[in-house]
Amino acid sequence: MAHKDKNPDEPDLSGQEPHSEDGDTASVGGIEDLIAAQDADVETSLTDDDAALLAAAERDLIADMRNDMLRAQAELVNFRTRVERDRVANREAVIAEVLRTLLPAMDDMTRAEAHGDLEGSPLAVVAQKLRAGFEKYGLRLVGVKGELFDPNFHEALVQLPNPDVTVNTIADVIEPGYALGDRLIRAAKVAVHVPEE
């Protein structure tokens, strides 16, 4: 029968006791005693400084892992905050765009109401519902006669010198403006009283 190379990791199933390198028969218990003795030698060979370094390394590793975990947790919280903020901003942008497209219809209703054309007509109810829908989303009117002129919200089409005013004041609203929260949807087109020089 041909000799087969023995894998050192495979258990010996021949029923023979293992041999040590010098040819002596060693028992399994003897090998375990030898390993335990070597471990004991390693532990006793560590100086106090080495043991302190080993303990410090273990503590540093734990601290590093804890810091990595806290950093990952903070990044997740920041990510969630950014996603929520972007979601709200996108929603407001879509609402603003829809309201912007409906403003010409609102202007026509306002003009018709100013001329008395809506009184008693079914369009009066439509205008009321349209305004209620705009208010539901927080749309507010910008530019009222007598208000101080603000170039962030008003567009001056005409400047009228007036000795009675000391600051720029809205004299008349040509086309009302609208804002949704802090977002300007359309600037108000106004005539402005300016102080005389």
C-alpha atoms as a PDB file:
ATOM      1  CA  MET A   1       0.000   0.000   0.000  1.00  0.00           C
ATOM      2  CA  ALA A   2       1.354   3.445  -0.932  1.00  0.00           C
ATOM      3  CA  HIS A   3       2.316   5.827   1.852  1.00  0.00           C
ATOM      4  CA  LYS A   4      -0.048   8.764   2.106  1.00  0.00           C
ATOM      5  CA  ASP A   5       1.159  12.167   3.391  1.00  0.00           C
ATOM      6  CA  LYS A   6      -0.590  12.981   6.615  1.00  0.00           C
ATOM      7  CA  ASN A   7      -2.229  16.355   7.095  1.00  0.00           C
ATOM      8  CA  PRO A   8      -1.162  17.700  10.509  1.00  0.00           C
ATOM      9  CA  ASP A   9      -4.630  19.199  11.102  1.00  0.00           C
ATOM     10  CA  GLU A  10      -6.454  15.883  10.625  1.00  0.00           C
ATOM     11  CA  PRO A  11      -6.988  13.733  13.734  1.00  0.00           C
ATOM     12  CA  ASP A  12      -5.017  10.539  13.985  1.00  0.00           C
ATOM     13  CA  LEU A  13      -7.463   7.665  13.591  1.00  0.00           C
ATOM     14  CA  SER A  14      -4.850   4.896  13.592  1.00  0.00           C
ATOM     15  CA  GLY A  15      -5.238   4.309  17.305  1.00  0.00           C
ATOM     16  CA  GLN A  16      -1.563   5.012  17.911  1.00  0.00           C
ATOM     17  CA  GLU A  17      -0.452   7.643  20.342  1.00  0.00           C
ATOM     18  CA  PRO A  18       1.151  10.735  18.799  1.00  0.00           C
ATOM     19  CA  HIS A  19       4.903  10.993  18.772  1.00  0.00           C
ATOM     20  CA  SER A  20       6.855  14.027  19.801  1.00  0.00           C
ATOM     21  CA  GLU A  21       9.608  15.394  17.571  1.00  0.00           C
ATOM     22  CA  ASP A  22      12.326  13.458  19.390  1.00  0.00           C
ATOM     23  CA  GLY A  23      10.441  10.197  18.826  1.00  0.00           C
ATOM     24  CA  ASP A  24       9.046   9.834  22.324  1.00  0.00           C
ATOM     25  CA  THR A  25       5.404   9.023  22.712  1.00  0.00           C
ATOM     26  CA  ALA A  26       3.476  11.981  24.124  1.00  0.00           C
ATOM     27  CA  SER A  27       0.051  11.844  25.656  1.00  0.00           C
ATOM     28  CA  VAL A  28      -2.751  14.285  24.811  1.00  0.00           C
ATOM     29  CA  GLY A  29      -2.752  15.464  28.405  1.00  0.00           C
ATOM     30  CA  GLY A  30       0.972  16.144  28.138  1.00  0.00           C
ATOM     31  CA  ILE A  31       0.464  18.396  25.117  1.00  0.00           C
ATOM     32  CA  GLU A  32      -2.216  20.368  26.940  1.00  0.00           C
ATOM     33  CA  ASP A  33       0.118  20.779  29.915  1.00  0.00           C
ATOM     34  CA  LEU A  34       2.844  22.005  27.586  1.00  0.00           C
ATOM     35  CA  ILE A  35       0.523  24.633  26.008  1.00  0.00           C
ATOM     36  CA  ALA A  36      -0.669  25.805  29.437  1.00  0.00           C
ATOM     37  CA  ALA A  37       2.934  26.130  30.576  1.00  0.00           C
ATOM     38  CA  GLN A  38       3.828  28.225  27.511  1.00  0.00           C
ATOM     39  CA  ASP A  39       0.837  30.530  28.125  1.00  0.00           C
ATOM     40  CA  ALA A  40       1.892  30.927  31.732  1.00  0.00           C
ATOM     41  CA  ASP A  41       5.438  31.766  30.588  1.00  0.00           C
ATOM     42  CA  VAL A  42       4.083  34.471  28.250  1.00  0.00           C
ATOM     43  CA  GLU A  43       1.934  35.981  31.005  1.00  0.00           C
ATOM     44  CA  THR A  44       4.798  35.984  33.525  1.00  0.00           C
ATOM     45  CA  SER A  45       7.258  37.340  30.943  1.00  0.00           C
ATOM     46  CA  LEU A  46       5.136  40.541  30.496  1.00  0.00           C
ATOM     47  CA  THR A  47       6.531  43.383  32.534  1.00  0.00           C
ATOM     48  CA  ASP A  48       4.253  45.821  34.292  1.00  0.00           C
ATOM     49  CA  ASP A  49       4.979  48.379  31.556  1.00  0.00           C
ATOM     50  CA  ASP A  50       4.041  45.887  28.841  1.00  0.00           C
ATOM     51  CA  ALA A  51       0.827  44.986  30.649  1.00  0.00           C
ATOM     52  CA  ALA A  52      -0.015  48.695  31.021  1.00  0.00           C
ATOM     53  CA  LEU A  53       0.619  49.258  27.294  1.00  0.00           C
ATOM     54  CA  LEU A  54      -1.583  46.275  26.422  1.00  0.00           C
ATOM     55  CA  ALA A  55      -4.396  47.577  28.649  1.00  0.00           C
ATOM     56  CA  ALA A  56      -4.043  51.103  27.178  1.00  0.00           C
ATOM     57  CA  ALA A  57      -4.216  49.671  23.650  1.00  0.00           C
ATOM     58  CA  GLU A  58      -7.420  47.821  24.539  1.00  0.00           C
ATOM     59  CA  ARG A  59      -8.914  51.023  26.015  1.00  0.00           C
ATOM     60  CA  ASP A  60      -7.853  53.072  22.940  1.00  0.00           C
ATOM     61  CA  LEU A  61      -9.444  50.532  20.615  1.00  0.00           C
ATOM     62  CA  ILE A  62     -12.710  50.665  22.564  1.00  0.00           C
ATOM     63  CA  ALA A  63     -12.621  54.493  22.619  1.00  0.00           C
ATOM     64  CA  ASP A  64     -11.959  54.602  18.858  1.00  0.00           C
ATOM     65  CA  MET A  65     -14.844  52.249  18.167  1.00  0.00           C
ATOM     66  CA  ARG A  66     -17.146  54.307  20.405  1.00  0.00           C
ATOM     67  CA  ASN A  67     -16.097  57.526  18.616  1.00  0.00           C
ATOM     68  CA  ASP A  68     -16.691  55.915  15.217  1.00  0.00           C
ATOM     69  CA  MET A  69     -20.148  54.807  16.334  1.00  0.00           C
ATOM     70  CA  LEU A  70     -21.021  58.287  17.653  1.00  0.00           C
ATOM     71  CA  ARG A  71     -19.740  59.913  14.439  1.00  0.00           C
ATOM     72  CA  ALA A  72     -21.835  57.560  12.299  1.00  0.00           C
ATOM     73  CA  GLN A  73     -24.875  58.256  14.467  1.00  0.00           C
ATOM     74  CA  ALA A  74     -24.381  62.035  14.129  1.00  0.00           C
ATOM     75  CA  GLU A  75     -24.011  61.719  10.340  1.00  0.00           C
ATOM     76  CA  LEU A  76     -27.277  59.782  10.193  1.00  0.00           C
ATOM     77  CA  VAL A  77     -29.086  62.454  12.217  1.00  0.00           C
ATOM     78  CA  ASN A  78     -27.664  65.188   9.949  1.00  0.00           C
ATOM     79  CA  PHE A  79     -28.705  63.235   6.855  1.00  0.00           C
ATOM     80  CA  ARG A  80     -32.257  62.861   8.137  1.00  0.00           C
ATOM     81  CA  THR A  81     -32.405  66.590   8.943  1.00  0.00           C
ATOM     82  CA  ARG A  82     -31.177  67.524   5.445  1.00  0.00           C
ATOM     83  CA  VAL A  83     -33.680  65.191   3.780  1.00  0.00           C
ATOM     84  CA  GLU A  84     -36.565  66.622   5.814  1.00  0.00           C
ATOM     85  CA  ARG A  85     -35.464  70.220   5.119  1.00  0.00           C
ATOM     86  CA  ASP A  86     -35.172  69.496   1.388  1.00  0.00           C
ATOM     87  CA  ARG A  87     -38.571  67.798   1.373  1.00  0.00           C
ATOM     88  CA  VAL A  88     -40.218  70.854   2.979  1.00  0.00           C
ATOM     89  CA  ALA A  89     -38.402  73.230   0.592  1.00  0.00           C
ATOM     90  CA  ASN A  90     -39.475  71.198  -2.443  1.00  0.00           C
ATOM     91  CA  ARG A  91     -43.081  71.134  -1.243  1.00  0.00           C
ATOM     92  CA  GLU A  92     -43.087  74.914  -0.762  1.00  0.00           C
ATOM     93  CA  ALA A  93     -41.533  75.437  -4.207  1.00  0.00           C
ATOM     94  CA  VAL A  94     -44.222  73.322  -5.869  1.00  0.00           C
ATOM     95  CA  ILE A  95     -47.023  75.110  -4.002  1.00  0.00           C
ATOM     96  CA  ALA A  96     -45.513  78.500  -4.925  1.00  0.00           C
ATOM     97  CA  GLU A  97     -45.335  77.531  -8.609  1.00  0.00           C
ATOM     98  CA  VAL A  98     -48.971  76.361  -8.685  1.00  0.00           C
ATOM     99  CA  LEU A  99     -50.154  79.531  -6.941  1.00  0.00           C
ATOM    100  CA  ARG A 100     -48.074  81.667  -9.333  1.00  0.00           C
ATOM    101  CA  THR A 101     -49.900  80.155 -12.315  1.00  0.00           C
ATOM    102  CA  LEU A 102     -53.294  80.951 -10.731  1.00  0.00           C
ATOM    103  CA  LEU A 103     -52.490  84.598  -9.895  1.00  0.00           C
ATOM    104  CA  PRO A 104     -53.686  86.015 -13.264  1.00  0.00           C
ATOM    105  CA  ALA A 105     -57.127  84.512 -12.618  1.00  0.00           C
ATOM    106  CA  MET A 106     -57.079  86.029  -9.133  1.00  0.00           C
ATOM    107  CA  ASP A 107     -56.152  89.420 -10.608  1.00  0.00           C
ATOM    108  CA  ASP A 108     -59.096  89.244 -13.019  1.00  0.00           C
ATOM    109  CA  MET A 109     -61.458  88.394 -10.155  1.00  0.00           C
ATOM    110  CA  THR A 110     -60.106  91.303  -8.104  1.00  0.00           C
ATOM    111  CA  ARG A 111     -60.558  93.765 -10.995  1.00  0.00           C
ATOM    112  CA  ALA A 112     -64.073  92.513 -11.675  1.00  0.00           C
ATOM    113  CA  GLU A 113     -64.913  92.861  -7.984  1.00  0.00           C
ATOM    114  CA  ALA A 114     -63.490  96.411  -7.909  1.00  0.00           C
ATOM    115  CA  HIS A 115     -65.781  97.383 -10.811  1.00  0.00           C
ATOM    116  CA  GLY A 116     -68.816  95.765  -9.149  1.00  0.00           C
ATOM    117  CA  ASP A 117     -69.153  93.074 -11.797  1.00  0.00           C
ATOM    118  CA  LEU A 118     -69.147  90.216  -9.268  1.00  0.00           C
ATOM    119  CA  GLU A 119     -71.999  91.411  -7.065  1.00  0.00           C
ATOM    120  CA  GLY A 120     -74.843  88.916  -7.199  1.00  0.00           C
ATOM    121  CA  SER A 121     -73.159  86.752  -9.819  1.00  0.00           C
ATOM    122  CA  PRO A 122     -72.039  83.132  -9.398  1.00  0.00           C
ATOM    123  CA  LEU A 123     -68.443  84.274  -9.952  1.00  0.00           C
ATOM    124  CA  ALA A 124     -68.526  85.978  -6.534  1.00  0.00           C
ATOM    125  CA  VAL A 125     -68.639  82.513  -4.935  1.00  0.00           C
ATOM    126  CA  VAL A 126     -65.812  81.320  -7.192  1.00  0.00           C
ATOM    127  CA  ALA A 127     -63.658  84.323  -6.215  1.00  0.00           C
ATOM    128  CA  GLN A 128     -64.358  83.676  -2.546  1.00  0.00           C
ATOM    129  CA  LYS A 129     -63.356  79.998  -2.846  1.00  0.00           C
ATOM    130  CA  LEU A 130     -60.249  80.910  -4.796  1.00  0.00           C
ATOM    131  CA  ARG A 131     -59.145  83.356  -2.086  1.00  0.00           C
ATOM    132  CA  ALA A 132     -59.910  80.804   0.661  1.00  0.00           C
ATOM    133  CA  GLY A 133     -57.788  78.220  -1.161  1.00  0.00           C
ATOM    134  CA  PHE A 134     -54.888  80.673  -1.423  1.00  0.00           C
ATOM    135  CA  GLU A 135     -55.142  81.605   2.255  1.00  0.00           C
ATOM    136  CA  LYS A 136     -55.144  77.921   3.227  1.00  0.00           C
ATOM    137  CA  TYR A 137     -51.586  77.655   1.931  1.00  0.00           C
ATOM    138  CA  GLY A 138     -50.496  80.892   3.622  1.00  0.00           C
ATOM    139  CA  LEU A 139     -50.523  83.197   0.604  1.00  0.00           C
ATOM    140  CA  ARG A 140     -50.562  86.809   1.739  1.00  0.00           C
ATOM    141  CA  LEU A 141     -51.034  90.093  -0.066  1.00  0.00           C
ATOM    142  CA  VAL A 142     -47.982  92.323  -0.528  1.00  0.00           C
ATOM    143  CA  GLY A 143     -48.271  96.034  -1.244  1.00  0.00           C
ATOM    144  CA  VAL A 144     -50.920  98.189   0.398  1.00  0.00           C
ATOM    145  CA  LYS A 145     -51.483 101.905  -0.149  1.00  0.00           C
ATOM    146  CA  GLY A 146     -49.753 103.932   2.595  1.00  0.00           C
ATOM    147  CA  GLU A 147     -47.236 101.198   3.400  1.00  0.00           C
ATOM    148  CA  LEU A 148     -43.506 101.966   3.404  1.00  0.00           C
ATOM    149  CA  PHE A 149     -41.794 101.062   0.144  1.00  0.00           C
ATOM    150  CA  ASP A 150     -39.622  97.927   0.399  1.00  0.00           C
ATOM    151  CA  PRO A 151     -37.619  97.058  -2.741  1.00  0.00           C
ATOM    152  CA  ASN A 152     -37.559  93.410  -1.620  1.00  0.00           C
ATOM    153  CA  PHE A 153     -41.346  93.167  -2.028  1.00  0.00           C
ATOM    154  CA  HIS A 154     -42.344  96.129  -4.211  1.00  0.00           C
ATOM    155  CA  GLU A 155     -41.493  97.186  -7.752  1.00  0.00           C
ATOM    156  CA  ALA A 156     -41.743 100.971  -8.233  1.00  0.00           C
ATOM    157  CA  LEU A 157     -43.170 101.803 -11.655  1.00  0.00           C
ATOM    158  CA  VAL A 158     -43.764 105.481 -10.917  1.00  0.00           C
ATOM    159  CA  GLN A 159     -42.134 107.913  -8.468  1.00  0.00           C
ATOM    160  CA  LEU A 160     -44.212 110.914  -7.406  1.00  0.00           C
ATOM    161  CA  PRO A 161     -42.501 113.686  -5.401  1.00  0.00           C
ATOM    162  CA  ASN A 162     -44.587 114.640  -2.358  1.00  0.00           C
ATOM    163  CA  PRO A 163     -43.724 117.279   0.274  1.00  0.00           C
ATOM    164  CA  ASP A 164     -45.795 115.443   2.932  1.00  0.00           C
ATOM    165  CA  VAL A 165     -43.602 112.323   3.071  1.00  0.00           C
ATOM    166  CA  THR A 166     -40.099 111.883   4.523  1.00  0.00           C
ATOM    167  CA  VAL A 167     -39.565 108.296   3.341  1.00  0.00           C
ATOM    168  CA  ASN A 168     -40.642 106.423   0.229  1.00  0.00           C
ATOM    169  CA  THR A 169     -44.288 105.435   0.669  1.00  0.00           C
ATOM    170  CA  ILE A 170     -46.672 103.510  -1.582  1.00  0.00           C
ATOM    171  CA  ALA A 171     -49.051 105.987  -3.235  1.00  0.00           C
ATOM    172  CA  ASP A 172     -51.069 103.459  -5.228  1.00  0.00           C
ATOM    173  CA  VAL A 173     -51.002  99.735  -6.014  1.00  0.00           C
ATOM    174  CA  ILE A 174     -51.042  99.047  -9.740  1.00  0.00           C
ATOM    175  CA  GLU A 175     -50.832  95.253  -9.397  1.00  0.00           C
ATOM    176  CA  PRO A 176     -50.843  93.523  -5.976  1.00  0.00           C
ATOM    177  CA  GLY A 177     -47.980  91.269  -5.027  1.00  0.00           C
ATOM    178  CA  TYR A 178     -48.094  88.006  -3.142  1.00  0.00           C
ATOM    179  CA  ALA A 179     -45.782  86.136  -0.775  1.00  0.00           C
ATOM    180  CA  LEU A 180     -45.906  82.608   0.578  1.00  0.00           C
ATOM    181  CA  GLY A 181     -44.287  82.746   3.998  1.00  0.00           C
ATOM    182  CA  ASP A 182     -40.920  84.428   3.409  1.00  0.00           C
ATOM    183  CA  ARG A 183     -40.882  83.461  -0.286  1.00  0.00           C
ATOM    184  CA  LEU A 184     -41.934  86.243  -2.665  1.00  0.00           C
ATOM    185  CA  ILE A 185     -44.209  84.864  -5.373  1.00  0.00           C
ATOM    186  CA  ARG A 186     -44.718  88.140  -7.229  1.00  0.00           C
ATOM    187  CA  ALA A 187     -43.563  91.657  -6.377  1.00  0.00           C
ATOM    188  CA  ALA A 188     -46.250  94.319  -6.086  1.00  0.00           C
ATOM    189  CA  LYS A 189     -46.170  96.925  -8.855  1.00  0.00           C
ATOM    190  CA  VAL A 190     -46.687 100.281  -7.195  1.00  0.00           C
ATOM    191  CA  ALA A 191     -46.550 104.050  -7.553  1.00  0.00           C
ATOM    192  CA  VAL A 192     -44.357 105.576  -4.851  1.00  0.00           C
ATOM    193  CA  HIS A 193     -44.455 108.941  -3.087  1.00  0.00           C
ATOM    194  CA  VAL A 194     -40.873 110.129  -2.653  1.00  0.00           C
ATOM    195  CA  PRO A 195     -39.733 113.113  -0.546  1.00  0.00           C
ATOM    196  CA  GLU A 196     -39.230 116.321  -2.478  1.00  0.00           C
ATOM    197  CA  GLU A 197     -35.615 117.470  -2.773  1.00  0.00           C
END
